[in-house]
Amino acid sequence: TGPGIPQEIRELIFTPFFTTKEEGEGTGLGLSLGKSIVSRFKGQLSLREDLEVGSEFIITLPKVKK
């Protein structure tokens, strides 16, 4: 239900310490840490963007063999 992520910052959102918040409001580590954790499990964290609808983050993990 949000406004979406502008094109000019989409490439930066997974960068450590990148934030659009005011100073003292966040560290800019959430998405970079999330992507790092998902990567450790051989997965992917990606962004699907539609400025008319909003942003959607997708986590894809490989199937675990038993």
PDB file of N, CA and C in Angstrom:
ATOM      1  N   THR A   1       0.817  -1.200   0.000  1.00  0.00           N
ATOM      2  CA  THR A   1       0.000   0.000   0.000  1.00  0.00           C
ATOM      3  C   THR A   1       0.860   1.263   0.000  1.00  0.00           C
ATOM      4  N   GLY A   2       2.177   1.090  -0.051  1.00  0.00           N
ATOM      5  CA  GLY A   2       3.070   2.253  -0.031  1.00  0.00           C
ATOM      6  C   GLY A   2       3.246   2.860  -1.410  1.00  0.00           C
ATOM      7  N   PRO A   3       4.076   3.897  -1.484  1.00  0.00           N
ATOM      8  CA  PRO A   3       4.268   4.612  -2.741  1.00  0.00           C
ATOM      9  C   PRO A   3       5.208   3.933  -3.726  1.00  0.00           C
ATOM     10  N   GLY A   4       5.879   2.870  -3.323  1.00  0.00           N
ATOM     11  CA  GLY A   4       6.854   2.231  -4.202  1.00  0.00           C
ATOM     12  C   GLY A   4       8.232   2.849  -4.020  1.00  0.00           C
ATOM     13  N   ILE A   5       9.200   2.280  -4.704  1.00  0.00           N
ATOM     14  CA  ILE A   5      10.586   2.740  -4.592  1.00  0.00           C
ATOM     15  C   ILE A   5      10.961   3.416  -5.899  1.00  0.00           C
ATOM     16  N   PRO A   6      11.367   4.680  -5.831  1.00  0.00           N
ATOM     17  CA  PRO A   6      11.731   5.399  -7.059  1.00  0.00           C
ATOM     18  C   PRO A   6      12.876   4.713  -7.810  1.00  0.00           C
ATOM     19  N   GLN A   7      12.833   4.771  -9.118  1.00  0.00           N
ATOM     20  CA  GLN A   7      13.823   4.144  -9.988  1.00  0.00           C
ATOM     21  C   GLN A   7      15.254   4.542  -9.613  1.00  0.00           C
ATOM     22  N   GLU A   8      15.473   5.803  -9.273  1.00  0.00           N
ATOM     23  CA  GLU A   8      16.830   6.299  -9.031  1.00  0.00           C
ATOM     24  C   GLU A   8      17.507   5.699  -7.792  1.00  0.00           C
ATOM     25  N   ILE A   9      16.748   5.061  -6.898  1.00  0.00           N
ATOM     26  CA  ILE A   9      17.394   4.456  -5.726  1.00  0.00           C
ATOM     27  C   ILE A   9      17.276   2.934  -5.678  1.00  0.00           C
ATOM     28  N   ARG A  10      16.626   2.321  -6.641  1.00  0.00           N
ATOM     29  CA  ARG A  10      16.434   0.858  -6.623  1.00  0.00           C
ATOM     30  C   ARG A  10      17.746   0.090  -6.581  1.00  0.00           C
ATOM     31  N   GLU A  11      18.759   0.574  -7.284  1.00  0.00           N
ATOM     32  CA  GLU A  11      20.046  -0.116  -7.307  1.00  0.00           C
ATOM     33  C   GLU A  11      20.789   0.016  -5.980  1.00  0.00           C
ATOM     34  N   LEU A  12      20.371   0.929  -5.130  1.00  0.00           N
ATOM     35  CA  LEU A  12      21.073   1.206  -3.879  1.00  0.00           C
ATOM     36  C   LEU A  12      20.449   0.546  -2.651  1.00  0.00           C
ATOM     37  N   ILE A  13      19.233   0.038  -2.760  1.00  0.00           N
ATOM     38  CA  ILE A  13      18.503  -0.365  -1.567  1.00  0.00           C
ATOM     39  C   ILE A  13      19.120  -1.528  -0.799  1.00  0.00           C
ATOM     40  N   PHE A  14      19.930  -2.357  -1.455  1.00  0.00           N
ATOM     41  CA  PHE A  14      20.575  -3.477  -0.764  1.00  0.00           C
ATOM     42  C   PHE A  14      21.994  -3.119  -0.310  1.00  0.00           C
ATOM     43  N   THR A  15      22.412  -1.876  -0.495  1.00  0.00           N
ATOM     44  CA  THR A  15      23.733  -1.407  -0.105  1.00  0.00           C
ATOM     45  C   THR A  15      23.756  -1.130   1.398  1.00  0.00           C
ATOM     46  N   PRO A  16      24.767  -1.685   2.119  1.00  0.00           N
ATOM     47  CA  PRO A  16      24.844  -1.421   3.560  1.00  0.00           C
ATOM     48  C   PRO A  16      24.909   0.083   3.855  1.00  0.00           C
ATOM     49  N   PHE A  17      24.161   0.496   4.844  1.00  0.00           N
ATOM     50  CA  PHE A  17      24.098   1.862   5.349  1.00  0.00           C
ATOM     51  C   PHE A  17      23.353   2.838   4.442  1.00  0.00           C
ATOM     52  N   PHE A  18      22.752   2.352   3.359  1.00  0.00           N
ATOM     53  CA  PHE A  18      21.935   3.236   2.526  1.00  0.00           C
ATOM     54  C   PHE A  18      20.559   3.367   3.170  1.00  0.00           C
ATOM     55  N   THR A  19      20.120   4.582   3.340  1.00  0.00           N
ATOM     56  CA  THR A  19      18.796   4.832   3.905  1.00  0.00           C
ATOM     57  C   THR A  19      18.221   6.114   3.332  1.00  0.00           C
ATOM     58  N   THR A  20      16.925   6.193   3.295  1.00  0.00           N
ATOM     59  CA  THR A  20      16.249   7.424   2.885  1.00  0.00           C
ATOM     60  C   THR A  20      15.643   8.120   4.104  1.00  0.00           C
ATOM     61  N   LYS A  21      15.859   7.531   5.275  1.00  0.00           N
ATOM     62  CA  LYS A  21      15.307   8.099   6.507  1.00  0.00           C
ATOM     63  C   LYS A  21      16.191   9.223   7.027  1.00  0.00           C
ATOM     64  N   GLU A  22      15.626  10.011   7.901  1.00  0.00           N
ATOM     65  CA  GLU A  22      16.372  11.092   8.544  1.00  0.00           C
ATOM     66  C   GLU A  22      17.451  10.511   9.451  1.00  0.00           C
ATOM     67  N   GLU A  23      18.481  11.291   9.708  1.00  0.00           N
ATOM     68  CA  GLU A  23      19.559  10.859  10.591  1.00  0.00           C
ATOM     69  C   GLU A  23      18.994  10.477  11.957  1.00  0.00           C
ATOM     70  N   GLY A  24      19.446   9.326  12.460  1.00  0.00           N
ATOM     71  CA  GLY A  24      18.969   8.838  13.750  1.00  0.00           C
ATOM     72  C   GLY A  24      17.711   7.986  13.658  1.00  0.00           C
ATOM     73  N   GLU A  25      17.144   7.843  12.490  1.00  0.00           N
ATOM     74  CA  GLU A  25      15.902   7.095  12.316  1.00  0.00           C
ATOM     75  C   GLU A  25      16.122   5.658  11.842  1.00  0.00           C
ATOM     76  N   GLY A  26      17.304   5.335  11.404  1.00  0.00           N
ATOM     77  CA  GLY A  26      17.593   3.990  10.920  1.00  0.00           C
ATOM     78  C   GLY A  26      19.045   3.890  10.509  1.00  0.00           C
ATOM     79  N   THR A  27      19.519   2.669  10.391  1.00  0.00           N
ATOM     80  CA  THR A  27      20.929   2.472  10.055  1.00  0.00           C
ATOM     81  C   THR A  27      21.144   2.134   8.584  1.00  0.00           C
ATOM     82  N   GLY A  28      20.108   1.719   7.888  1.00  0.00           N
ATOM     83  CA  GLY A  28      20.271   1.321   6.502  1.00  0.00           C
ATOM     84  C   GLY A  28      20.869  -0.064   6.366  1.00  0.00           C
ATOM     85  N   LEU A  29      20.682  -0.897   7.370  1.00  0.00           N
ATOM     86  CA  LEU A  29      21.257  -2.240   7.335  1.00  0.00           C
ATOM     87  C   LEU A  29      20.229  -3.340   7.114  1.00  0.00           C
ATOM     88  N   GLY A  30      18.969  -3.066   7.259  1.00  0.00           N
ATOM     89  CA  GLY A  30      17.940  -4.102   7.201  1.00  0.00           C
ATOM     90  C   GLY A  30      17.936  -4.923   5.925  1.00  0.00           C
ATOM     91  N   LEU A  31      17.849  -4.281   4.779  1.00  0.00           N
ATOM     92  CA  LEU A  31      17.790  -5.021   3.520  1.00  0.00           C
ATOM     93  C   LEU A  31      19.122  -5.672   3.173  1.00  0.00           C
ATOM     94  N   SER A  32      20.234  -5.012   3.491  1.00  0.00           N
ATOM     95  CA  SER A  32      21.533  -5.622   3.190  1.00  0.00           C
ATOM     96  C   SER A  32      21.757  -6.855   4.063  1.00  0.00           C
ATOM     97  N   LEU A  33      21.357  -6.799   5.332  1.00  0.00           N
ATOM     98  CA  LEU A  33      21.480  -7.970   6.208  1.00  0.00           C
ATOM     99  C   LEU A  33      20.545  -9.084   5.761  1.00  0.00           C
ATOM    100  N   GLY A  34      19.336  -8.727   5.405  1.00  0.00           N
ATOM    101  CA  GLY A  34      18.385  -9.720   4.915  1.00  0.00           C
ATOM    102  C   GLY A  34      18.909 -10.433   3.680  1.00  0.00           C
ATOM    103  N   LYS A  35      19.463  -9.672   2.750  1.00  0.00           N
ATOM    104  CA  LYS A  35      20.006 -10.265   1.525  1.00  0.00           C
ATOM    105  C   LYS A  35      21.197 -11.166   1.845  1.00  0.00           C
ATOM    106  N   SER A  36      22.029 -10.753   2.783  1.00  0.00           N
ATOM    107  CA  SER A  36      23.191 -11.549   3.188  1.00  0.00           C
ATOM    108  C   SER A  36      22.754 -12.876   3.811  1.00  0.00           C
ATOM    109  N   ILE A  37      21.767 -12.836   4.667  1.00  0.00           N
ATOM    110  CA  ILE A  37      21.276 -14.057   5.320  1.00  0.00           C
ATOM    111  C   ILE A  37      20.674 -15.009   4.292  1.00  0.00           C
ATOM    112  N   VAL A  38      19.851 -14.492   3.413  1.00  0.00           N
ATOM    113  CA  VAL A  38      19.234 -15.328   2.376  1.00  0.00           C
ATOM    114  C   VAL A  38      20.318 -15.924   1.470  1.00  0.00           C
ATOM    115  N   SER A  39      21.345 -15.151   1.146  1.00  0.00           N
ATOM    116  CA  SER A  39      22.444 -15.633   0.297  1.00  0.00           C
ATOM    117  C   SER A  39      23.201 -16.782   0.949  1.00  0.00           C
ATOM    118  N   ARG A  40      23.343 -16.749   2.264  1.00  0.00           N
ATOM    119  CA  ARG A  40      24.029 -17.836   2.973  1.00  0.00           C
ATOM    120  C   ARG A  40      23.321 -19.168   2.794  1.00  0.00           C
ATOM    121  N   PHE A  41      22.037 -19.118   2.547  1.00  0.00           N
ATOM    122  CA  PHE A  41      21.257 -20.323   2.321  1.00  0.00           C
ATOM    123  C   PHE A  41      21.075 -20.592   0.834  1.00  0.00           C
ATOM    124  N   LYS A  42      21.942 -19.971   0.008  1.00  0.00           N
ATOM    125  CA  LYS A  42      21.933 -20.149  -1.449  1.00  0.00           C
ATOM    126  C   LYS A  42      20.644 -19.642  -2.094  1.00  0.00           C
ATOM    127  N   GLY A  43      20.049 -18.643  -1.468  1.00  0.00           N
ATOM    128  CA  GLY A  43      18.815 -18.077  -1.991  1.00  0.00           C
ATOM    129  C   GLY A  43      19.015 -16.688  -2.554  1.00  0.00           C
ATOM    130  N   GLN A  44      17.914 -16.068  -2.923  1.00  0.00           N
ATOM    131  CA  GLN A  44      17.933 -14.721  -3.471  1.00  0.00           C
ATOM    132  C   GLN A  44      16.852 -13.871  -2.811  1.00  0.00           C
ATOM    133  N   LEU A  45      17.180 -12.620  -2.571  1.00  0.00           N
ATOM    134  CA  LEU A  45      16.215 -11.619  -2.128  1.00  0.00           C
ATOM    135  C   LEU A  45      16.142 -10.601  -3.250  1.00  0.00           C
ATOM    136  N   SER A  46      14.976 -10.444  -3.829  1.00  0.00           N
ATOM    137  CA  SER A  46      14.842  -9.538  -4.967  1.00  0.00           C
ATOM    138  C   SER A  46      13.654  -8.608  -4.777  1.00  0.00           C
ATOM    139  N   LEU A  47      13.634  -7.591  -5.595  1.00  0.00           N
ATOM    140  CA  LEU A  47      12.588  -6.574  -5.555  1.00  0.00           C
ATOM    141  C   LEU A  47      11.759  -6.665  -6.827  1.00  0.00           C
ATOM    142  N   ARG A  48      10.458  -6.706  -6.642  1.00  0.00           N
ATOM    143  CA  ARG A  48       9.535  -6.554  -7.780  1.00  0.00           C
ATOM    144  C   ARG A  48       8.833  -5.225  -7.565  1.00  0.00           C
ATOM    145  N   GLU A  49       8.921  -4.380  -8.539  1.00  0.00           N
ATOM    146  CA  GLU A  49       8.463  -3.007  -8.371  1.00  0.00           C
ATOM    147  C   GLU A  49       7.350  -2.659  -9.351  1.00  0.00           C
ATOM    148  N   ASP A  50       6.315  -2.054  -8.817  1.00  0.00           N
ATOM    149  CA  ASP A  50       5.235  -1.500  -9.622  1.00  0.00           C
ATOM    150  C   ASP A  50       4.818  -0.214  -8.933  1.00  0.00           C
ATOM    151  N   LEU A  51       5.210   0.915  -9.492  1.00  0.00           N
ATOM    152  CA  LEU A  51       4.950   2.198  -8.837  1.00  0.00           C
ATOM    153  C   LEU A  51       3.467   2.482  -8.648  1.00  0.00           C
ATOM    154  N   GLU A  52       2.609   1.826  -9.402  1.00  0.00           N
ATOM    155  CA  GLU A  52       1.175   2.047  -9.234  1.00  0.00           C
ATOM    156  C   GLU A  52       0.602   1.214  -8.099  1.00  0.00           C
ATOM    157  N   VAL A  53       1.311   0.130  -7.723  1.00  0.00           N
ATOM    158  CA  VAL A  53       0.808  -0.763  -6.682  1.00  0.00           C
ATOM    159  C   VAL A  53       1.690  -0.706  -5.434  1.00  0.00           C
ATOM    160  N   GLY A  54       2.989  -0.635  -5.612  1.00  0.00           N
ATOM    161  CA  GLY A  54       3.933  -0.626  -4.504  1.00  0.00           C
ATOM    162  C   GLY A  54       5.076  -1.580  -4.776  1.00  0.00           C
ATOM    163  N   SER A  55       5.827  -1.895  -3.738  1.00  0.00           N
ATOM    164  CA  SER A  55       7.001  -2.753  -3.854  1.00  0.00           C
ATOM    165  C   SER A  55       6.717  -4.099  -3.219  1.00  0.00           C
ATOM    166  N   GLU A  56       7.373  -5.116  -3.761  1.00  0.00           N
ATOM    167  CA  GLU A  56       7.237  -6.460  -3.226  1.00  0.00           C
ATOM    168  C   GLU A  56       8.630  -7.069  -3.180  1.00  0.00           C
ATOM    169  N   PHE A  57       9.021  -7.561  -2.016  1.00  0.00           N
ATOM    170  CA  PHE A  57      10.299  -8.243  -1.867  1.00  0.00           C
ATOM    171  C   PHE A  57      10.039  -9.738  -1.890  1.00  0.00           C
ATOM    172  N   ILE A  58      10.825 -10.438  -2.685  1.00  0.00           N
ATOM    173  CA  ILE A  58      10.626 -11.866  -2.877  1.00  0.00           C
ATOM    174  C   ILE A  58      11.867 -12.617  -2.408  1.00  0.00           C
ATOM    175  N   ILE A  59      11.646 -13.597  -1.530  1.00  0.00           N
ATOM    176  CA  ILE A  59      12.724 -14.474  -1.071  1.00  0.00           C
ATOM    177  C   ILE A  59      12.538 -15.811  -1.772  1.00  0.00           C
ATOM    178  N   THR A  60      13.589 -16.250  -2.455  1.00  0.00           N
ATOM    179  CA  THR A  60      13.578 -17.537  -3.146  1.00  0.00           C
ATOM    180  C   THR A  60      14.684 -18.390  -2.555  1.00  0.00           C
ATOM    181  N   LEU A  61      14.313 -19.572  -2.069  1.00  0.00           N
ATOM    182  CA  LEU A  61      15.283 -20.500  -1.483  1.00  0.00           C
ATOM    183  C   LEU A  61      15.253 -21.821  -2.245  1.00  0.00           C
ATOM    184  N   PRO A  62      16.417 -22.469  -2.347  1.00  0.00           N
ATOM    185  CA  PRO A  62      16.436 -23.759  -3.039  1.00  0.00           C
ATOM    186  C   PRO A  62      15.737 -24.822  -2.208  1.00  0.00           C
ATOM    187  N   LYS A  63      15.219 -25.819  -2.890  1.00  0.00           N
ATOM    188  CA  LYS A  63      14.583 -26.934  -2.216  1.00  0.00           C
ATOM    189  C   LYS A  63      15.651 -27.752  -1.500  1.00  0.00           C
ATOM    190  N   VAL A  64      15.362 -28.113  -0.263  1.00  0.00           N
ATOM    191  CA  VAL A  64      16.311 -28.887   0.540  1.00  0.00           C
ATOM    192  C   VAL A  64      16.108 -30.373   0.270  1.00  0.00           C
ATOM    193  N   LYS A  65      17.213 -31.049  -0.014  1.00  0.00           N
ATOM    194  CA  LYS A  65      17.147 -32.498  -0.245  1.00  0.00           C
ATOM    195  C   LYS A  65      17.200 -33.209   1.097  1.00  0.00           C
ATOM    196  N   LYS A  66      16.405 -34.251   1.236  1.00  0.00           N
ATOM    197  CA  LYS A  66      16.365 -35.006   2.496  1.00  0.00           C
ATOM    198  C   LYS A  66      17.360 -36.140   2.459  1.00  0.00           C
TER     199      LYS A  66
END
